Amino acid sequence: MAGDWVKMRCSLSTDPKVASIARVVGAAGGEELASLSRSSLRLLVIGGLHAVWAAANEHASAGLMKGMLPEDLDDIAGLAGLGAAMVEVGWAVETSRGIMLPNFTEWNRPADDRTNAERQKRHRERVKTAEIPEGNGTATGRNGTVTRYVTDSNGVIVTTEKRREEKRDTHTHTSGERRGETGEPPAEPGWALDEWTRFAASWNATERAEPWRHLTPPDGWADLAAAPGWLQRAREALDILPSRRFFDRPLPVTRFFEYIDRIRAGEFADPKEPRSGRAVAVAGKAPRRGNL
């Protein structure tokens, strides 16, 4: 689509992760890249990253490039070893469904999102202009005002009647959104549901994560998401989760919320130790190890 773009930081050439990727690409490139300086290799890698992110912007869904492998990223960029190096530095995650680019949708609008946004924009424009229907009818304005039009045989409006239409509150509220009652400016309505939609897409594409199949977020999501820095910590823990071998079964999302800081701290890296012998149940008490 004409005019599409991806965001890339001005300081990318000095990012340590770019330098790390450049070393891998330089070693994999053999004699063809042996004569390039380190700065030239970094610039070459930035061009390869642009190609990968541009492809993701066109084909990824919620940051997931379905069916892709690290070597497919090499083909897109034209640089051997780039895909594996992106996985190594955390800019890509290899999952059973394809390559996930963490936090990609925070800064870019993939094709799926653009299609939905354009559809919503057209709808808003129709509502805003409130096109008058032929004959007698109604039109809904942007502020929820419903106008009833009565026209004569020539199509000329002869009477109008306006009323306000009640709107159902469908988004998840938090105490922060109700701050207007205390005199403070209210938060933007619906933000918690938007954040959940983005998080759930990444969650369902992550290994060792039990898919969330409900239409609504789990209880308490809005309050967790509103806590300063919590969303960033949750995303960092989610990036690490596939490597946590202690979880031999998919982890429920609500249990994940309890362990994000422990996962970030490096716990659960080793496999769960098998139990020896038969556990003895004590009345009124759970087993010592119990469930997570």
Protein backbone atom coordinates (compact mmCIF):
# COMPACT_ATOMS: atom_id res chain seq x y z
CA MET A 1 0.00 0.00 0.00
CA ALA A 2 1.45 3.36 -1.02
CA GLY A 3 2.75 5.49 1.82
CA ASP A 4 3.34 2.62 4.28
CA TRP A 5 6.27 3.00 6.66
CA VAL A 6 7.93 1.43 9.71
CA LYS A 7 9.51 3.19 12.66
CA MET A 8 13.27 2.82 13.17
CA ARG A 9 15.25 4.62 15.89
CA CYS A 10 17.90 7.18 14.88
CA SER A 11 20.33 5.59 17.36
CA LEU A 12 19.95 2.09 15.88
CA SER A 13 23.49 2.10 14.42
CA THR A 14 24.99 2.39 17.93
CA ASP A 15 22.66 -0.14 19.59
CA PRO A 16 24.69 -2.99 21.18
CA LYS A 17 22.20 -5.51 19.79
CA VAL A 18 22.94 -4.31 16.25
CA ALA A 19 26.65 -4.75 16.92
CA SER A 20 26.00 -8.28 18.18
CA ILE A 21 23.94 -9.15 15.10
CA ALA A 22 26.64 -7.65 12.86
CA ARG A 23 29.27 -9.95 14.34
CA VAL A 24 27.12 -13.01 13.63
CA VAL A 25 26.30 -11.86 10.10
CA GLY A 26 29.95 -11.05 9.41
CA ALA A 27 31.08 -14.49 10.53
CA ALA A 28 28.37 -16.21 8.47
CA GLY A 29 29.06 -14.11 5.37
CA GLY A 30 32.49 -15.59 4.73
CA GLU A 31 34.84 -13.93 2.24
CA GLU A 32 32.04 -11.86 0.75
CA LEU A 33 31.78 -9.76 3.93
CA ALA A 34 35.31 -10.23 5.27
CA SER A 35 36.55 -6.97 3.77
CA LEU A 36 33.83 -4.82 5.37
CA SER A 37 34.57 -2.70 8.42
CA ARG A 38 32.55 -3.11 11.61
CA SER A 39 30.64 0.13 10.96
CA SER A 40 29.81 -1.01 7.43
CA LEU A 41 28.55 -4.33 8.76
CA ARG A 42 26.29 -2.53 11.22
CA LEU A 43 24.83 -0.41 8.42
CA LEU A 44 24.32 -3.56 6.35
CA VAL A 45 22.48 -5.17 9.27
CA ILE A 46 20.26 -2.10 9.67
CA GLY A 47 19.25 -2.47 6.03
CA GLY A 48 18.45 -6.13 6.66
CA LEU A 49 16.41 -5.27 9.75
CA HIS A 50 14.45 -2.74 7.71
CA ALA A 51 13.62 -5.46 5.17
CA VAL A 52 12.43 -7.83 7.93
CA TRP A 53 10.35 -5.20 9.73
CA ALA A 54 8.85 -3.99 6.47
CA ALA A 55 7.82 -7.57 5.63
CA ALA A 56 6.32 -7.96 9.11
CA ASN A 57 4.42 -4.70 8.68
CA GLU A 58 2.85 -6.14 5.54
CA HIS A 59 2.28 -9.77 6.51
CA ALA A 60 2.39 -10.19 10.31
CA SER A 61 -0.71 -10.46 12.46
CA ALA A 62 -0.31 -9.01 15.97
CA GLY A 63 3.47 -9.27 15.55
CA LEU A 64 3.40 -12.95 14.48
CA MET A 65 4.88 -13.96 11.12
CA LYS A 66 3.04 -17.27 10.77
CA GLY A 67 4.99 -20.28 9.51
CA MET A 68 8.29 -18.38 9.44
CA LEU A 69 11.64 -19.73 10.65
CA PRO A 70 14.83 -17.75 11.45
CA GLU A 71 16.32 -18.76 8.10
CA ASP A 72 13.30 -17.23 6.35
CA LEU A 73 14.32 -13.89 7.89
CA ASP A 74 17.78 -14.46 6.38
CA ASP A 75 16.17 -14.79 2.94
CA ILE A 76 14.10 -11.62 3.41
CA ALA A 77 17.15 -9.59 4.50
CA GLY A 78 19.61 -11.28 2.14
CA LEU A 79 21.97 -11.85 5.09
CA ALA A 80 22.90 -15.29 6.40
CA GLY A 81 22.60 -15.64 10.18
CA LEU A 82 20.47 -12.53 10.73
CA GLY A 83 17.34 -14.45 11.83
CA ALA A 84 19.15 -16.54 14.45
CA ALA A 85 20.96 -13.42 15.69
CA MET A 86 17.64 -11.56 16.07
CA VAL A 87 16.38 -14.46 18.19
CA GLU A 88 19.57 -14.38 20.26
CA VAL A 89 19.24 -10.67 21.14
CA GLY A 90 15.48 -10.90 21.80
CA TRP A 91 14.23 -9.02 18.74
CA ALA A 92 12.53 -12.19 17.47
CA VAL A 93 11.07 -15.23 19.23
CA GLU A 94 10.81 -18.61 17.51
CA THR A 95 7.46 -20.25 18.37
CA SER A 96 5.59 -23.30 17.12
CA ARG A 97 3.37 -21.01 15.03
CA GLY A 98 6.11 -18.90 13.48
CA ILE A 99 8.34 -15.93 14.32
CA MET A 100 7.00 -13.46 16.90
CA LEU A 101 8.43 -9.92 16.92
CA PRO A 102 7.95 -8.69 20.52
CA ASN A 103 6.33 -5.26 20.94
CA PHE A 104 6.23 -4.77 17.15
CA THR A 105 2.64 -3.52 17.19
CA GLU A 106 3.46 -0.83 19.77
CA TRP A 107 5.35 1.17 17.15
CA ASN A 108 3.99 -0.06 13.83
CA ARG A 109 0.64 -0.81 12.20
CA PRO A 110 0.65 -4.17 10.40
CA ALA A 111 -1.63 -4.68 7.40
CA ASP A 112 -4.37 -6.33 9.49
CA ASP A 113 -4.50 -3.38 11.86
CA ARG A 114 -4.46 -0.86 9.01
CA THR A 115 -7.37 -2.64 7.32
CA ASN A 116 -9.44 -2.50 10.51
CA ALA A 117 -8.44 1.12 11.15
CA GLU A 118 -9.43 2.17 7.65
CA ARG A 119 -12.76 0.37 7.98
CA GLN A 120 -13.43 2.17 11.28
CA LYS A 121 -12.39 5.50 9.75
CA ARG A 122 -14.88 5.08 6.90
CA HIS A 123 -17.59 4.24 9.43
CA ARG A 124 -16.78 7.34 11.50
CA GLU A 125 -16.91 9.51 8.40
CA ARG A 126 -20.34 8.15 7.49
CA VAL A 127 -21.59 8.80 11.00
CA LYS A 128 -20.02 12.25 11.11
CA THR A 129 -21.63 13.38 7.86
CA ALA A 130 -24.90 11.66 8.88
CA GLU A 131 -26.02 11.10 5.29
CA ILE A 132 -29.72 11.83 4.99
CA PRO A 133 -31.65 8.75 3.81
CA GLU A 134 -34.15 8.94 1.03
CA GLY A 135 -37.74 9.44 2.21
CA ASN A 136 -38.42 9.32 5.92
CA GLY A 137 -35.69 7.86 8.12
CA THR A 138 -33.07 8.48 10.78
CA ALA A 139 -29.37 9.22 10.92
CA THR A 140 -27.04 8.89 13.90
CA GLY A 141 -24.57 11.66 14.59
CA ARG A 142 -21.09 11.20 16.04
CA ASN A 143 -22.18 12.31 19.53
CA GLY A 144 -24.95 9.72 19.67
CA THR A 145 -27.73 12.09 18.62
CA VAL A 146 -30.37 10.36 16.51
CA THR A 147 -32.10 12.66 14.02
CA ARG A 148 -35.40 11.67 12.43
CA TYR A 149 -35.98 13.23 9.02
CA VAL A 150 -39.37 13.71 7.33
CA THR A 151 -39.22 14.76 3.69
CA ASP A 152 -41.91 15.77 1.21
CA SER A 153 -42.46 14.29 -2.24
CA ASN A 154 -39.59 16.38 -3.65
CA GLY A 155 -37.12 15.10 -1.10
CA VAL A 156 -37.02 18.39 0.82
CA ILE A 157 -36.75 18.05 4.60
CA VAL A 158 -39.83 19.52 6.20
CA THR A 159 -39.38 18.49 9.84
CA THR A 160 -36.61 17.10 12.03
CA GLU A 161 -36.62 15.63 15.50
CA LYS A 162 -33.53 14.95 17.59
CA ARG A 163 -32.99 12.77 20.61
CA ARG A 164 -29.99 11.31 22.41
CA GLU A 165 -29.43 7.58 22.11
CA GLU A 166 -28.28 5.74 25.22
CA LYS A 167 -24.89 4.12 24.87
CA ARG A 168 -24.03 0.90 26.65
CA ASP A 169 -20.78 0.99 28.55
CA THR A 170 -18.90 -2.00 27.15
CA HIS A 171 -15.29 -1.29 28.11
CA THR A 172 -13.46 -2.31 31.27
CA HIS A 173 -13.30 0.45 33.87
CA THR A 174 -10.64 1.04 36.47
CA SER A 175 -10.49 3.39 39.38
CA GLY A 176 -8.26 5.59 37.20
CA GLU A 177 -11.02 5.97 34.61
CA ARG A 178 -13.39 7.16 37.29
CA ARG A 179 -11.02 9.84 38.53
CA GLY A 180 -13.33 12.45 37.05
CA GLU A 181 -15.56 11.95 40.09
CA THR A 182 -12.76 13.27 42.30
CA GLY A 183 -11.97 16.25 40.10
CA GLU A 184 -8.96 14.70 38.33
CA PRO A 185 -8.96 14.26 34.53
CA PRO A 186 -10.36 10.82 33.57
CA ALA A 187 -8.27 8.28 31.67
CA GLU A 188 -9.02 7.50 28.02
CA PRO A 189 -12.02 5.10 27.94
CA GLY A 190 -11.43 1.60 26.59
CA TRP A 191 -7.64 1.63 26.96
CA ALA A 192 -7.62 -1.49 29.17
CA LEU A 193 -9.48 -3.57 26.57
CA ASP A 194 -7.15 -2.31 23.83
CA GLU A 195 -4.11 -3.29 25.90
CA TRP A 196 -5.60 -6.72 26.57
CA THR A 197 -6.22 -7.31 22.85
CA ARG A 198 -2.53 -6.67 22.11
CA PHE A 199 -1.31 -8.71 25.08
CA ALA A 200 -3.62 -11.67 24.35
CA ALA A 201 -2.36 -11.88 20.76
CA SER A 202 1.24 -12.19 21.99
CA TRP A 203 0.22 -14.56 24.80
CA ASN A 204 -1.60 -16.98 22.47
CA ALA A 205 1.44 -17.13 20.17
CA THR A 206 3.91 -17.93 22.99
CA GLU A 207 5.19 -21.39 23.88
CA ARG A 208 4.39 -22.70 27.37
CA ALA A 209 1.39 -20.36 27.50
CA GLU A 210 -2.09 -21.85 27.82
CA PRO A 211 -4.19 -20.14 25.12
CA TRP A 212 -6.82 -17.70 26.37
CA ARG A 213 -10.01 -18.50 24.47
CA HIS A 214 -12.45 -16.14 26.19
CA LEU A 215 -13.74 -12.94 24.59
CA THR A 216 -13.13 -10.84 27.70
CA PRO A 217 -9.92 -10.35 29.72
CA PRO A 218 -9.44 -12.12 33.07
CA ASP A 219 -10.71 -10.49 36.26
CA GLY A 220 -8.40 -7.81 37.61
CA TRP A 221 -6.69 -7.15 34.26
CA ALA A 222 -7.53 -3.44 34.21
CA ASP A 223 -6.07 -2.81 37.67
CA LEU A 224 -2.89 -4.75 36.84
CA ALA A 225 -2.43 -2.95 33.52
CA ALA A 226 -2.93 0.43 35.23
CA ALA A 227 -0.11 -0.20 37.71
CA PRO A 228 3.01 1.82 36.76
CA GLY A 229 5.46 -0.32 34.78
CA TRP A 230 3.45 -3.54 35.11
CA LEU A 231 2.73 -3.95 31.38
CA GLN A 232 6.42 -3.59 30.48
CA ARG A 233 7.40 -6.18 33.12
CA ALA A 234 4.70 -8.55 31.84
CA ARG A 235 5.98 -8.24 28.26
CA GLU A 236 9.55 -8.91 29.38
CA ALA A 237 8.45 -12.02 31.30
CA LEU A 238 6.42 -13.20 28.30
CA ASP A 239 9.51 -12.96 26.07
CA ILE A 240 11.38 -15.19 28.53
CA LEU A 241 8.57 -17.71 29.17
CA PRO A 242 9.42 -20.12 26.27
CA SER A 243 12.81 -20.82 27.87
CA ARG A 244 11.40 -21.62 31.34
CA ARG A 245 11.67 -25.43 31.29
CA PHE A 246 10.16 -25.81 34.76
CA PHE A 247 6.70 -25.39 33.22
CA ASP A 248 6.13 -28.81 31.69
CA ARG A 249 2.51 -27.91 30.97
CA PRO A 250 1.12 -24.70 29.45
CA LEU A 251 0.91 -21.96 32.07
CA PRO A 252 -2.49 -20.28 32.64
CA VAL A 253 -2.37 -16.55 32.10
CA THR A 254 -3.67 -15.74 35.60
CA ARG A 255 -0.89 -17.83 37.14
CA PHE A 256 1.61 -16.12 34.84
CA PHE A 257 0.54 -12.77 36.29
CA GLU A 258 1.63 -14.02 39.74
CA TYR A 259 5.08 -15.01 38.51
CA ILE A 260 6.16 -12.29 36.10
CA ASP A 261 8.79 -10.82 38.45
CA ARG A 262 10.14 -14.26 39.37
CA ILE A 263 10.38 -15.19 35.69
CA ARG A 264 12.22 -11.93 34.97
CA ALA A 265 14.56 -12.69 37.86
CA GLY A 266 15.63 -15.95 36.17
CA GLU A 267 13.61 -18.50 38.12
CA PHE A 268 11.99 -21.61 36.58
CA ALA A 269 14.85 -22.12 34.11
CA ASP A 270 15.50 -25.75 35.12
CA PRO A 271 13.10 -28.65 34.53
CA LYS A 272 10.83 -29.67 37.38
CA GLU A 273 12.43 -32.35 39.57
CA PRO A 274 10.53 -35.68 39.50
CA ARG A 275 9.01 -36.74 42.77
CA SER A 276 10.39 -39.85 44.44
CA GLY A 277 8.02 -42.22 46.24
CA ARG A 278 4.35 -41.61 46.89
CA ALA A 279 3.13 -38.33 48.33
CA VAL A 280 1.42 -38.57 51.72
CA ALA A 281 -1.65 -36.38 51.97
CA VAL A 282 -2.23 -34.55 55.23
CA ALA A 283 -5.82 -33.74 56.05
CA GLY A 284 -6.59 -30.11 55.49
CA LYS A 285 -3.22 -29.36 53.84
CA ALA A 286 -2.01 -29.27 50.23
CA PRO A 287 1.06 -31.29 49.15
CA ARG A 288 4.35 -29.52 49.88
CA ARG A 289 5.17 -28.81 46.21
CA GLY A 290 1.58 -28.60 45.12
CA ASN A 291 0.55 -26.89 41.93
CA LEU A 292 2.10 -23.71 40.66
